PDB file of N, CA and C in Angstrom:
ATOM      1  N   UNK A   1     -24.469-121.382  -4.333  1.00  0.00           N
ATOM      2  CA  UNK A   1     -24.235-122.606  -4.400  1.00  0.00           C
ATOM      3  C   UNK A   1     -25.042-123.381  -5.371  1.00  0.00           C
ATOM      4  N   UNK A   2     -26.494-122.156  -5.758  1.00  0.00           N
ATOM      5  CA  UNK A   2     -27.233-122.558  -6.935  1.00  0.00           C
ATOM      6  C   UNK A   2     -26.575-122.053  -7.858  1.00  0.00           C
ATOM      7  N   UNK A   3     -25.608-121.069  -8.176  1.00  0.00           N
ATOM      8  CA  UNK A   3     -25.117-120.827  -9.356  1.00  0.00           C
ATOM      9  C   UNK A   3     -24.031-122.134  -9.682  1.00  0.00           C
ATOM     10  N   UNK A   4     -23.423-122.774  -8.821  1.00  0.00           N
ATOM     11  CA  UNK A   4     -22.656-123.809  -9.127  1.00  0.00           C
ATOM     12  C   UNK A   4     -23.140-125.080  -9.658  1.00  0.00           C
ATOM     13  N   UNK A   5     -24.507-125.199  -8.902  1.00  0.00           N
ATOM     14  CA  UNK A   5     -25.342-126.240  -9.618  1.00  0.00           C
ATOM     15  C   UNK A   5     -25.556-126.225 -10.879  1.00  0.00           C
ATOM     16  N   UNK A   6     -26.001-124.363 -11.254  1.00  0.00           N
ATOM     17  CA  UNK A   6     -26.643-124.347 -12.683  1.00  0.00           C
ATOM     18  C   UNK A   6     -25.225-124.601 -13.649  1.00  0.00           C
ATOM     19  N   UNK A   7     -23.866-123.876 -13.477  1.00  0.00           N
ATOM     20  CA  UNK A   7     -22.723-124.177 -14.175  1.00  0.00           C
ATOM     21  C   UNK A   7     -22.504-125.435 -14.177  1.00  0.00           C
ATOM     22  N   UNK A   8     -22.887-126.261 -13.287  1.00  0.00           N
ATOM     23  CA  UNK A   8     -22.469-127.913 -13.420  1.00  0.00           C
ATOM     24  C   UNK A   8     -23.757-128.651 -14.391  1.00  0.00           C
ATOM     25  N   UNK A   9     -25.058-128.153 -14.393  1.00  0.00           N
ATOM     26  CA  UNK A   9     -26.151-128.830 -15.011  1.00  0.00           C
ATOM     27  C   UNK A   9     -25.302-128.355 -16.551  1.00  0.00           C
ATOM     28  N   UNK A  10     -25.019-126.955 -17.016  1.00  0.00           N
ATOM     29  CA  UNK A  10     -24.686-127.089 -18.356  1.00  0.00           C
ATOM     30  C   UNK A  10     -23.500-127.433 -19.121  1.00  0.00           C
ATOM     31  N   UNK A  11     -22.140-127.773 -17.926  1.00  0.00           N
ATOM     32  CA  UNK A  11     -21.603-128.392 -18.205  1.00  0.00           C
ATOM     33  C   UNK A  11     -22.075-130.348 -18.582  1.00  0.00           C
ATOM     34  N   UNK A  12     -23.051-130.930 -18.168  1.00  0.00           N
ATOM     35  CA  UNK A  12     -23.359-131.843 -17.880  1.00  0.00           C
ATOM     36  C   UNK A  12     -24.440-131.586 -19.719  1.00  0.00           C
ATOM     37  N   UNK A  13     -24.741-130.512 -19.393  1.00  0.00           N
ATOM     38  CA  UNK A  13     -26.170-130.559 -20.705  1.00  0.00           C
ATOM     39  C   UNK A  13     -24.699-130.777 -21.999  1.00  0.00           C
ATOM     40  N   UNK A  14     -23.443-130.360 -22.060  1.00  0.00           N
ATOM     41  CA  UNK A  14     -22.796-131.147 -23.210  1.00  0.00           C
ATOM     42  C   UNK A  14     -22.461-132.534 -23.465  1.00  0.00           C
ATOM     43  N   UNK A  15     -22.985-133.358 -22.200  1.00  0.00           N
ATOM     44  CA  UNK A  15     -22.651-134.511 -22.361  1.00  0.00           C
ATOM     45  C   UNK A  15     -23.530-135.544 -23.236  1.00  0.00           C
ATOM     46  N   UNK A  16     -24.838-135.185 -23.499  1.00  0.00           N
ATOM     47  CA  UNK A  16     -25.998-135.605 -24.077  1.00  0.00           C
ATOM     48  C   UNK A  16     -25.466-135.213 -25.377  1.00  0.00           C
ATOM     49  N   UNK A  17     -25.399-134.516 -26.145  1.00  0.00           N
ATOM     50  CA  UNK A  17     -25.147-134.423 -28.403  1.00  0.00           C
ATOM     51  C   UNK A  17     -24.191-135.171 -27.983  1.00  0.00           C
ATOM     52  N   UNK A  18     -22.892-135.092 -26.904  1.00  0.00           N
ATOM     53  CA  UNK A  18     -22.090-136.079 -27.674  1.00  0.00           C
ATOM     54  C   UNK A  18     -22.224-137.688 -27.653  1.00  0.00           C
ATOM     55  N   UNK A  19     -23.064-137.985 -26.505  1.00  0.00           N
ATOM     56  CA  UNK A  19     -23.555-139.486 -26.558  1.00  0.00           C
ATOM     57  C   UNK A  19     -24.596-139.716 -27.581  1.00  0.00           C
ATOM     58  N   UNK A  20     -24.873-139.072 -28.114  1.00  0.00           N
ATOM     59  CA  UNK A  20     -26.090-139.170 -29.650  1.00  0.00           C
ATOM     60  C   UNK A  20     -25.295-139.187 -30.528  1.00  0.00           C
ATOM     61  N   UNK A  21     -24.097-138.440 -30.975  1.00  0.00           N
ATOM     62  CA  UNK A  21     -22.907-138.604 -31.711  1.00  0.00           C
ATOM     63  C   UNK A  21     -21.883-139.560 -31.990  1.00  0.00           C
ATOM     64  N   UNK A  22     -22.034-140.329 -30.416  1.00  0.00           N
ATOM     65  CA  UNK A  22     -21.600-141.525 -30.311  1.00  0.00           C
ATOM     66  C   UNK A  22     -22.374-142.744 -30.846  1.00  0.00           C
ATOM     67  N   UNK A  23     -23.699-142.797 -30.640  1.00  0.00           N
ATOM     68  CA  UNK A  23     -24.954-143.049 -31.134  1.00  0.00           C
ATOM     69  C   UNK A  23     -24.798-143.451 -32.526  1.00  0.00           C
ATOM     70  N   UNK A  24     -24.424-143.095 -33.276  1.00  0.00           N
ATOM     71  CA  UNK A  24     -24.281-142.542 -34.823  1.00  0.00           C
ATOM     72  C   UNK A  24     -23.764-144.029 -35.083  1.00  0.00           C
ATOM     73  N   UNK A  25     -22.810-144.619 -34.707  1.00  0.00           N
ATOM     74  CA  UNK A  25     -21.924-145.484 -35.152  1.00  0.00           C
ATOM     75  C   UNK A  25     -22.723-146.713 -34.447  1.00  0.00           C
ATOM     76  N   UNK A  26     -22.777-147.284 -35.404  1.00  0.00           N
ATOM     77  CA  UNK A  26     -22.945-148.936 -34.787  1.00  0.00           C
ATOM     78  C   UNK A  26     -22.370-149.705 -33.659  1.00  0.00           C
ATOM     79  N   UNK A  27     -20.878-149.380 -33.512  1.00  0.00           N
ATOM     80  CA  UNK A  27     -20.223-150.240 -32.867  1.00  0.00           C
ATOM     81  C   UNK A  27     -20.504-149.371 -31.478  1.00  0.00           C
ATOM     82  N   UNK A  28     -20.880-148.343 -31.253  1.00  0.00           N
ATOM     83  CA  UNK A  28     -21.139-147.468 -30.096  1.00  0.00           C
ATOM     84  C   UNK A  28     -22.506-147.037 -30.088  1.00  0.00           C
ATOM     85  N   UNK A  29     -23.106-147.730 -30.858  1.00  0.00           N
ATOM     86  CA  UNK A  29     -24.752-147.386 -30.358  1.00  0.00           C
ATOM     87  C   UNK A  29     -25.380-147.376 -28.775  1.00  0.00           C
ATOM     88  N   UNK A  30     -25.437-148.274 -28.166  1.00  0.00           N
ATOM     89  CA  UNK A  30     -26.232-148.717 -27.080  1.00  0.00           C
ATOM     90  C   UNK A  30     -24.925-147.949 -26.269  1.00  0.00           C
ATOM     91  N   UNK A  31     -24.187-147.987 -25.870  1.00  0.00           N
ATOM     92  CA  UNK A  31     -22.924-147.089 -25.009  1.00  0.00           C
ATOM     93  C   UNK A  31     -23.514-145.847 -25.270  1.00  0.00           C
ATOM     94  N   UNK A  32     -23.073-145.405 -26.546  1.00  0.00           N
ATOM     95  CA  UNK A  32     -23.440-144.104 -26.854  1.00  0.00           C
ATOM     96  C   UNK A  32     -24.844-143.660 -25.947  1.00  0.00           C
ATOM     97  N   UNK A  33     -26.341-144.138 -26.524  1.00  0.00           N
ATOM     98  CA  UNK A  33     -27.255-143.993 -25.748  1.00  0.00           C
ATOM     99  C   UNK A  33     -27.371-143.809 -24.413  1.00  0.00           C
ATOM    100  N   UNK A  34     -26.378-144.770 -23.571  1.00  0.00           N
ATOM    101  CA  UNK A  34     -26.651-145.189 -22.476  1.00  0.00           C
ATOM    102  C   UNK A  34     -25.769-143.314 -21.741  1.00  0.00           C
ATOM    103  N   UNK A  35     -24.803-142.917 -22.235  1.00  0.00           N
ATOM    104  CA  UNK A  35     -23.890-142.284 -22.253  1.00  0.00           C
ATOM    105  C   UNK A  35     -25.029-140.563 -22.154  1.00  0.00           C
ATOM    106  N   UNK A  36     -25.822-140.701 -23.253  1.00  0.00           N
ATOM    107  CA  UNK A  36     -26.761-139.287 -23.502  1.00  0.00           C
ATOM    108  C   UNK A  36     -28.007-139.589 -22.050  1.00  0.00           C
ATOM    109  N   UNK A  37     -27.882-140.384 -21.987  1.00  0.00           N
ATOM    110  CA  UNK A  37     -29.150-140.747 -20.654  1.00  0.00           C
ATOM    111  C   UNK A  37     -28.691-140.216 -19.528  1.00  0.00           C
ATOM    112  N   UNK A  38     -27.751-140.859 -18.986  1.00  0.00           N
ATOM    113  CA  UNK A  38     -27.018-140.482 -17.826  1.00  0.00           C
ATOM    114  C   UNK A  38     -26.653-138.980 -18.063  1.00  0.00           C
ATOM    115  N   UNK A  39     -25.966-138.309 -18.833  1.00  0.00           N
ATOM    116  CA  UNK A  39     -25.603-136.879 -18.746  1.00  0.00           C
ATOM    117  C   UNK A  39     -26.856-136.272 -18.919  1.00  0.00           C
ATOM    118  N   UNK A  40     -28.373-136.729 -19.306  1.00  0.00           N
ATOM    119  CA  UNK A  40     -29.266-135.976 -19.912  1.00  0.00           C
ATOM    120  C   UNK A  40     -30.129-135.586 -18.081  1.00  0.00           C
ATOM    121  N   UNK A  41     -29.855-137.141 -17.488  1.00  0.00           N
ATOM    122  CA  UNK A  41     -30.292-137.038 -16.078  1.00  0.00           C
ATOM    123  C   UNK A  41     -29.953-136.446 -14.918  1.00  0.00           C
ATOM    124  N   UNK A  42     -28.612-136.261 -15.196  1.00  0.00           N
ATOM    125  CA  UNK A  42     -27.871-135.440 -14.144  1.00  0.00           C
ATOM    126  C   UNK A  42     -27.746-134.099 -14.669  1.00  0.00           C
ATOM    127  N   UNK A  43     -27.774-133.622 -15.776  1.00  0.00           N
ATOM    128  CA  UNK A  43     -27.815-132.369 -16.024  1.00  0.00           C
ATOM    129  C   UNK A  43     -29.381-131.759 -15.609  1.00  0.00           C
ATOM    130  N   UNK A  44     -30.357-132.886 -16.005  1.00  0.00           N
ATOM    131  CA  UNK A  44     -31.903-132.248 -15.806  1.00  0.00           C
ATOM    132  C   UNK A  44     -31.923-132.091 -13.878  1.00  0.00           C
ATOM    133  N   UNK A  45     -31.246-133.296 -13.093  1.00  0.00           N
ATOM    134  CA  UNK A  45     -31.040-132.638 -11.874  1.00  0.00           C
ATOM    135  C   UNK A  45     -30.415-131.646 -11.065  1.00  0.00           C
ATOM    136  N   UNK A  46     -29.347-131.509 -11.583  1.00  0.00           N
ATOM    137  CA  UNK A  46     -28.305-130.060 -11.374  1.00  0.00           C
ATOM    138  C   UNK A  46     -29.194-128.830 -11.524  1.00  0.00           C
ATOM    139  N   UNK A  47     -30.321-128.929 -12.729  1.00  0.00           N
ATOM    140  CA  UNK A  47     -30.775-127.691 -12.774  1.00  0.00           C
ATOM    141  C   UNK A  47     -32.235-127.773 -12.342  1.00  0.00           C
ATOM    142  N   UNK A  48     -32.504-128.805 -11.504  1.00  0.00           N
ATOM    143  CA  UNK A  48     -33.147-128.538 -10.450  1.00  0.00           C
ATOM    144  C   UNK A  48     -33.082-128.236  -9.486  1.00  0.00           C
ATOM    145  N   UNK A  49     -31.780-128.663  -8.627  1.00  0.00           N
ATOM    146  CA  UNK A  49     -31.198-127.673  -7.656  1.00  0.00           C
ATOM    147  C   UNK A  49     -31.342-126.043  -7.991  1.00  0.00           C
ATOM    148  N   UNK A  50     -30.357-126.316  -9.161  1.00  0.00           N
ATOM    149  CA  UNK A  50     -30.342-124.437  -9.374  1.00  0.00           C
ATOM    150  C   UNK A  50     -31.871-123.990  -9.315  1.00  0.00           C
ATOM    151  N   UNK A  51     -32.653-124.261  -9.565  1.00  0.00           N
ATOM    152  CA  UNK A  51     -33.942-123.735  -9.891  1.00  0.00           C
ATOM    153  C   UNK A  51     -34.302-122.921  -8.476  1.00  0.00           C
ATOM    154  N   UNK A  52     -34.067-123.937  -7.023  1.00  0.00           N
ATOM    155  CA  UNK A  52     -34.555-123.315  -6.227  1.00  0.00           C
ATOM    156  C   UNK A  52     -34.383-121.944  -5.942  1.00  0.00           C
ATOM    157  N   UNK A  53     -33.248-121.454  -6.501  1.00  0.00           N
ATOM    158  CA  UNK A  53     -32.870-120.104  -6.032  1.00  0.00           C
ATOM    159  C   UNK A  53     -32.866-118.890  -7.634  1.00  0.00           C
ATOM    160  N   UNK A  54     -32.826-119.794  -8.679  1.00  0.00           N
ATOM    161  CA  UNK A  54     -32.630-118.782  -9.729  1.00  0.00           C
ATOM    162  C   UNK A  54     -33.846-119.020 -10.548  1.00  0.00           C
ATOM    163  N   UNK A  55     -34.147-117.753 -10.847  1.00  0.00           N
ATOM    164  CA  UNK A  55     -35.394-117.712 -11.661  1.00  0.00           C
ATOM    165  C   UNK A  55     -35.575-118.892 -12.856  1.00  0.00           C
ATOM    166  N   UNK A  56     -36.769-118.984 -13.409  1.00  0.00           N
ATOM    167  CA  UNK A  56     -36.765-120.209 -14.147  1.00  0.00           C
ATOM    168  C   UNK A  56     -36.067-119.928 -15.390  1.00  0.00           C
ATOM    169  N   UNK A  57     -36.670-118.683 -15.929  1.00  0.00           N
ATOM    170  CA  UNK A  57     -36.510-118.188 -17.197  1.00  0.00           C
ATOM    171  C   UNK A  57     -34.242-118.322 -17.113  1.00  0.00           C
ATOM    172  N   UNK A  58     -34.244-117.605 -15.964  1.00  0.00           N
ATOM    173  CA  UNK A  58     -32.875-117.131 -16.234  1.00  0.00           C
ATOM    174  C   UNK A  58     -31.760-118.296 -16.076  1.00  0.00           C
ATOM    175  N   UNK A  59     -32.311-119.388 -15.468  1.00  0.00           N
ATOM    176  CA  UNK A  59     -31.760-120.928 -15.208  1.00  0.00           C
ATOM    177  C   UNK A  59     -31.930-121.618 -16.128  1.00  0.00           C
ATOM    178  N   UNK A  60     -32.745-121.339 -17.271  1.00  0.00           N
ATOM    179  CA  UNK A  60     -32.923-122.466 -18.349  1.00  0.00           C
ATOM    180  C   UNK A  60     -32.049-121.409 -19.296  1.00  0.00           C
ATOM    181  N   UNK A  61     -32.084-120.260 -19.633  1.00  0.00           N
ATOM    182  CA  UNK A  61     -31.296-119.364 -20.562  1.00  0.00           C
ATOM    183  C   UNK A  61     -29.765-119.874 -20.264  1.00  0.00           C
ATOM    184  N   UNK A  62     -29.125-119.627 -18.972  1.00  0.00           N
ATOM    185  CA  UNK A  62     -27.982-119.720 -18.752  1.00  0.00           C
ATOM    186  C   UNK A  62     -27.827-121.703 -19.251  1.00  0.00           C
ATOM    187  N   UNK A  63     -28.388-122.366 -18.680  1.00  0.00           N
ATOM    188  CA  UNK A  63     -28.169-123.448 -19.005  1.00  0.00           C
ATOM    189  C   UNK A  63     -27.669-124.355 -20.353  1.00  0.00           C
ATOM    190  N   UNK A  64     -28.524-123.866 -21.133  1.00  0.00           N
ATOM    191  CA  UNK A  64     -28.855-123.776 -22.600  1.00  0.00           C
ATOM    192  C   UNK A  64     -27.689-122.854 -23.453  1.00  0.00           C
ATOM    193  N   UNK A  65     -27.701-122.235 -22.794  1.00  0.00           N
ATOM    194  CA  UNK A  65     -26.445-120.983 -23.481  1.00  0.00           C
ATOM    195  C   UNK A  65     -24.733-122.122 -23.102  1.00  0.00           C
ATOM    196  N   UNK A  66     -24.468-122.731 -21.705  1.00  0.00           N
ATOM    197  CA  UNK A  66     -23.562-123.206 -21.907  1.00  0.00           C
ATOM    198  C   UNK A  66     -23.507-124.515 -22.726  1.00  0.00           C
ATOM    199  N   UNK A  67     -24.588-125.168 -22.675  1.00  0.00           N
ATOM    200  CA  UNK A  67     -24.614-126.491 -23.703  1.00  0.00           C
ATOM    201  C   UNK A  67     -24.734-125.879 -24.750  1.00  0.00           C
ATOM    202  N   UNK A  68     -25.240-125.159 -25.387  1.00  0.00           N
ATOM    203  CA  UNK A  68     -25.086-124.439 -26.996  1.00  0.00           C
ATOM    204  C   UNK A  68     -23.442-124.707 -27.243  1.00  0.00           C
ATOM    205  N   UNK A  69     -23.325-123.515 -26.602  1.00  0.00           N
ATOM    206  CA  UNK A  69     -21.536-123.017 -26.692  1.00  0.00           C
ATOM    207  C   UNK A  69     -20.366-124.704 -26.676  1.00  0.00           C
ATOM    208  N   UNK A  70     -20.504-125.009 -25.433  1.00  0.00           N
ATOM    209  CA  UNK A  70     -20.048-126.051 -25.185  1.00  0.00           C
ATOM    210  C   UNK A  70     -19.627-127.307 -26.440  1.00  0.00           C
ATOM    211  N   UNK A  71     -21.433-127.252 -26.648  1.00  0.00           N
ATOM    212  CA  UNK A  71     -21.174-128.562 -27.574  1.00  0.00           C
ATOM    213  C   UNK A  71     -20.592-128.034 -28.882  1.00  0.00           C
ATOM    214  N   UNK A  72     -20.399-126.949 -29.162  1.00  0.00           N
ATOM    215  CA  UNK A  72     -20.336-126.266 -30.304  1.00  0.00           C
ATOM    216  C   UNK A  72     -18.721-126.193 -30.216  1.00  0.00           C
ATOM    217  N   UNK A  73     -17.733-125.964 -29.185  1.00  0.00           N
ATOM    218  CA  UNK A  73     -16.455-126.103 -28.692  1.00  0.00           C
ATOM    219  C   UNK A  73     -15.968-127.718 -29.028  1.00  0.00           C
ATOM    220  N   UNK A  74     -16.914-128.486 -28.275  1.00  0.00           N
ATOM    221  CA  UNK A  74     -16.455-130.244 -28.527  1.00  0.00           C
ATOM    222  C   UNK A  74     -16.443-130.560 -29.779  1.00  0.00           C
ATOM    223  N   UNK A  75     -17.585-129.829 -30.704  1.00  0.00           N
ATOM    224  CA  UNK A  75     -18.103-130.753 -32.683  1.00  0.00           C
ATOM    225  C   UNK A  75     -16.828-130.182 -32.894  1.00  0.00           C
ATOM    226  N   UNK A  76     -16.524-128.977 -32.465  1.00  0.00           N
ATOM    227  CA  UNK A  76     -15.716-128.400 -33.494  1.00  0.00           C
ATOM    228  C   UNK A  76     -13.699-129.192 -32.998  1.00  0.00           C
ATOM    229  N   UNK A  77     -13.600-129.193 -32.263  1.00  0.00           N
ATOM    230  CA  UNK A  77     -12.285-129.479 -30.978  1.00  0.00           C
ATOM    231  C   UNK A  77     -12.335-131.341 -31.635  1.00  0.00           C
ATOM    232  N   UNK A  78     -13.010-131.688 -31.434  1.00  0.00           N
ATOM    233  CA  UNK A  78     -12.978-133.535 -31.528  1.00  0.00           C
ATOM    234  C   UNK A  78     -14.100-133.935 -32.766  1.00  0.00           C
ATOM    235  N   UNK A  79     -14.699-133.438 -33.318  1.00  0.00           N
ATOM    236  CA  UNK A  79     -15.863-133.846 -34.291  1.00  0.00           C
ATOM    237  C   UNK A  79     -15.601-133.392 -35.793  1.00  0.00           C
ATOM    238  N   UNK A  80     -14.522-132.360 -36.003  1.00  0.00           N
ATOM    239  CA  UNK A  80     -14.095-131.604 -37.209  1.00  0.00           C
ATOM    240  C   UNK A  80     -15.712-131.045 -37.713  1.00  0.00           C
ATOM    241  N   UNK A  81     -16.246-130.472 -36.663  1.00  0.00           N
ATOM    242  CA  UNK A  81     -17.551-129.499 -36.800  1.00  0.00           C
ATOM    243  C   UNK A  81     -17.135-128.278 -37.970  1.00  0.00           C
ATOM    244  N   UNK A  82     -17.654-127.735 -38.443  1.00  0.00           N
ATOM    245  CA  UNK A  82     -16.980-126.407 -39.651  1.00  0.00           C
ATOM    246  C   UNK A  82     -17.201-125.491 -38.864  1.00  0.00           C
ATOM    247  N   UNK A  83     -16.134-124.818 -39.000  1.00  0.00           N
ATOM    248  CA  UNK A  83     -15.513-123.231 -38.171  1.00  0.00           C
ATOM    249  C   UNK A  83     -15.882-122.235 -39.201  1.00  0.00           C
ATOM    250  N   UNK A  84     -16.253-120.320 -38.860  1.00  0.00           N
ATOM    251  CA  UNK A  84     -16.351-119.460 -39.330  1.00  0.00           C
ATOM    252  C   UNK A  84     -16.036-118.460 -38.655  1.00  0.00           C
ATOM    253  N   UNK A  85     -15.723-117.527 -38.835  1.00  0.00           N
ATOM    254  CA  UNK A  85     -15.733-116.478 -37.935  1.00  0.00           C
ATOM    255  C   UNK A  85     -17.253-115.858 -37.723  1.00  0.00           C
ATOM    256  N   UNK A  86     -18.097-115.979 -38.417  1.00  0.00           N
ATOM    257  CA  UNK A  86     -19.620-115.978 -37.772  1.00  0.00           C
ATOM    258  C   UNK A  86     -20.056-117.409 -36.999  1.00  0.00           C
ATOM    259  N   UNK A  87     -19.865-118.259 -37.222  1.00  0.00           N
ATOM    260  CA  UNK A  87     -20.161-119.294 -36.005  1.00  0.00           C
ATOM    261  C   UNK A  87     -19.202-119.309 -34.519  1.00  0.00           C
ATOM    262  N   UNK A  88     -18.021-118.336 -34.986  1.00  0.00           N
ATOM    263  CA  UNK A  88     -17.602-118.081 -33.533  1.00  0.00           C
ATOM    264  C   UNK A  88     -17.866-116.924 -32.683  1.00  0.00           C
ATOM    265  N   UNK A  89     -18.747-115.721 -33.917  1.00  0.00           N
ATOM    266  CA  UNK A  89     -19.048-114.560 -33.251  1.00  0.00           C
ATOM    267  C   UNK A  89     -20.634-115.040 -33.040  1.00  0.00           C
ATOM    268  N   UNK A  90     -21.683-115.916 -33.225  1.00  0.00           N
ATOM    269  CA  UNK A  90     -22.416-116.300 -32.590  1.00  0.00           C
ATOM    270  C   UNK A  90     -22.374-117.248 -31.688  1.00  0.00           C
ATOM    271  N   UNK A  91     -21.270-117.967 -30.992  1.00  0.00           N
ATOM    272  CA  UNK A  91     -20.821-118.534 -29.877  1.00  0.00           C
ATOM    273  C   UNK A  91     -20.660-117.377 -28.832  1.00  0.00           C
ATOM    274  N   UNK A  92     -20.007-116.370 -29.382  1.00  0.00           N
ATOM    275  CA  UNK A  92     -19.655-115.307 -28.611  1.00  0.00           C
ATOM    276  C   UNK A  92     -20.518-114.720 -27.757  1.00  0.00           C
ATOM    277  N   UNK A  93     -21.901-114.344 -28.610  1.00  0.00           N
ATOM    278  CA  UNK A  93     -23.039-113.484 -28.640  1.00  0.00           C
ATOM    279  C   UNK A  93     -23.950-114.561 -27.731  1.00  0.00           C
ATOM    280  N   UNK A  94     -23.703-115.781 -27.421  1.00  0.00           N
ATOM    281  CA  UNK A  94     -24.619-117.042 -26.542  1.00  0.00           C
ATOM    282  C   UNK A  94     -23.861-116.331 -25.223  1.00  0.00           C
ATOM    283  N   UNK A  95     -22.238-116.609 -25.115  1.00  0.00           N
ATOM    284  CA  UNK A  95     -21.706-116.115 -23.938  1.00  0.00           C
ATOM    285  C   UNK A  95     -21.789-115.037 -23.089  1.00  0.00           C
ATOM    286  N   UNK A  96     -21.828-114.113 -23.970  1.00  0.00           N
ATOM    287  CA  UNK A  96     -22.280-112.935 -23.369  1.00  0.00           C
ATOM    288  C   UNK A  96     -23.314-112.441 -23.246  1.00  0.00           C
ATOM    289  N   UNK A  97     -24.431-113.253 -23.950  1.00  0.00           N
ATOM    290  CA  UNK A  97     -25.782-113.280 -23.196  1.00  0.00           C
ATOM    291  C   UNK A  97     -25.912-113.839 -21.983  1.00  0.00           C
ATOM    292  N   UNK A  98     -25.174-115.049 -21.603  1.00  0.00           N
ATOM    293  CA  UNK A  98     -24.961-115.867 -20.259  1.00  0.00           C
ATOM    294  C   UNK A  98     -24.738-114.417 -19.451  1.00  0.00           C
ATOM    295  N   UNK A  99     -23.245-114.119 -19.591  1.00  0.00           N
ATOM    296  CA  UNK A  99     -22.580-113.515 -18.672  1.00  0.00           C
ATOM    297  C   UNK A  99     -23.754-111.577 -18.301  1.00  0.00           C
ATOM    298  N   UNK A 100     -24.073-111.983 -19.290  1.00  0.00           N
ATOM    299  CA  UNK A 100     -24.952-110.966 -18.986  1.00  0.00           C
ATOM    300  C   UNK A 100     -26.710-110.960 -17.676  1.00  0.00           C
ATOM    301  N   UNK A 101     -27.075-112.044 -18.361  1.00  0.00           N
ATOM    302  CA  UNK A 101     -27.927-112.834 -17.105  1.00  0.00           C
ATOM    303  C   UNK A 101     -27.160-113.265 -15.842  1.00  0.00           C
ATOM    304  N   UNK A 102     -26.209-113.239 -15.607  1.00  0.00           N
ATOM    305  CA  UNK A 102     -25.443-113.813 -14.041  1.00  0.00           C
ATOM    306  C   UNK A 102     -25.145-112.573 -13.594  1.00  0.00           C
ATOM    307  N   UNK A 103     -24.713-111.253 -14.612  1.00  0.00           N
ATOM    308  CA  UNK A 103     -24.463-110.336 -13.825  1.00  0.00           C
ATOM    309  C   UNK A 103     -25.733-109.309 -13.328  1.00  0.00           C
ATOM    310  N   UNK A 104     -26.616-109.179 -14.269  1.00  0.00           N
ATOM    311  CA  UNK A 104     -27.729-108.603 -13.719  1.00  0.00           C
ATOM    312  C   UNK A 104     -28.706-109.356 -12.567  1.00  0.00           C
ATOM    313  N   UNK A 105     -28.452-110.665 -12.470  1.00  0.00           N
ATOM    314  CA  UNK A 105     -29.150-111.270 -10.973  1.00  0.00           C
ATOM    315  C   UNK A 105     -29.136-110.484  -9.907  1.00  0.00           C
TER     316      UNK A 105
END
């Protein structure tokens, strides 16, 4: 169950940078900030639940890894962020590191 909480925490971690991106536009400033704060709260709560049974360092690394890789993909798919082979390789290394932490647990 703790790993499920951790994966959910990582997925919710993707939401707050999206909210901050939304807040860049004057028309969606306050809704974007509300989205960011809401996703931060849920993500943090899920991380707290996960850390009851997963070592803190492992949980934090997996949480940020899912958030970083997911935010990269959202940026590329929905916000036109730049891509390159090197950037995809970097994200693949993050995913490999997260998988290694899970398998080594």
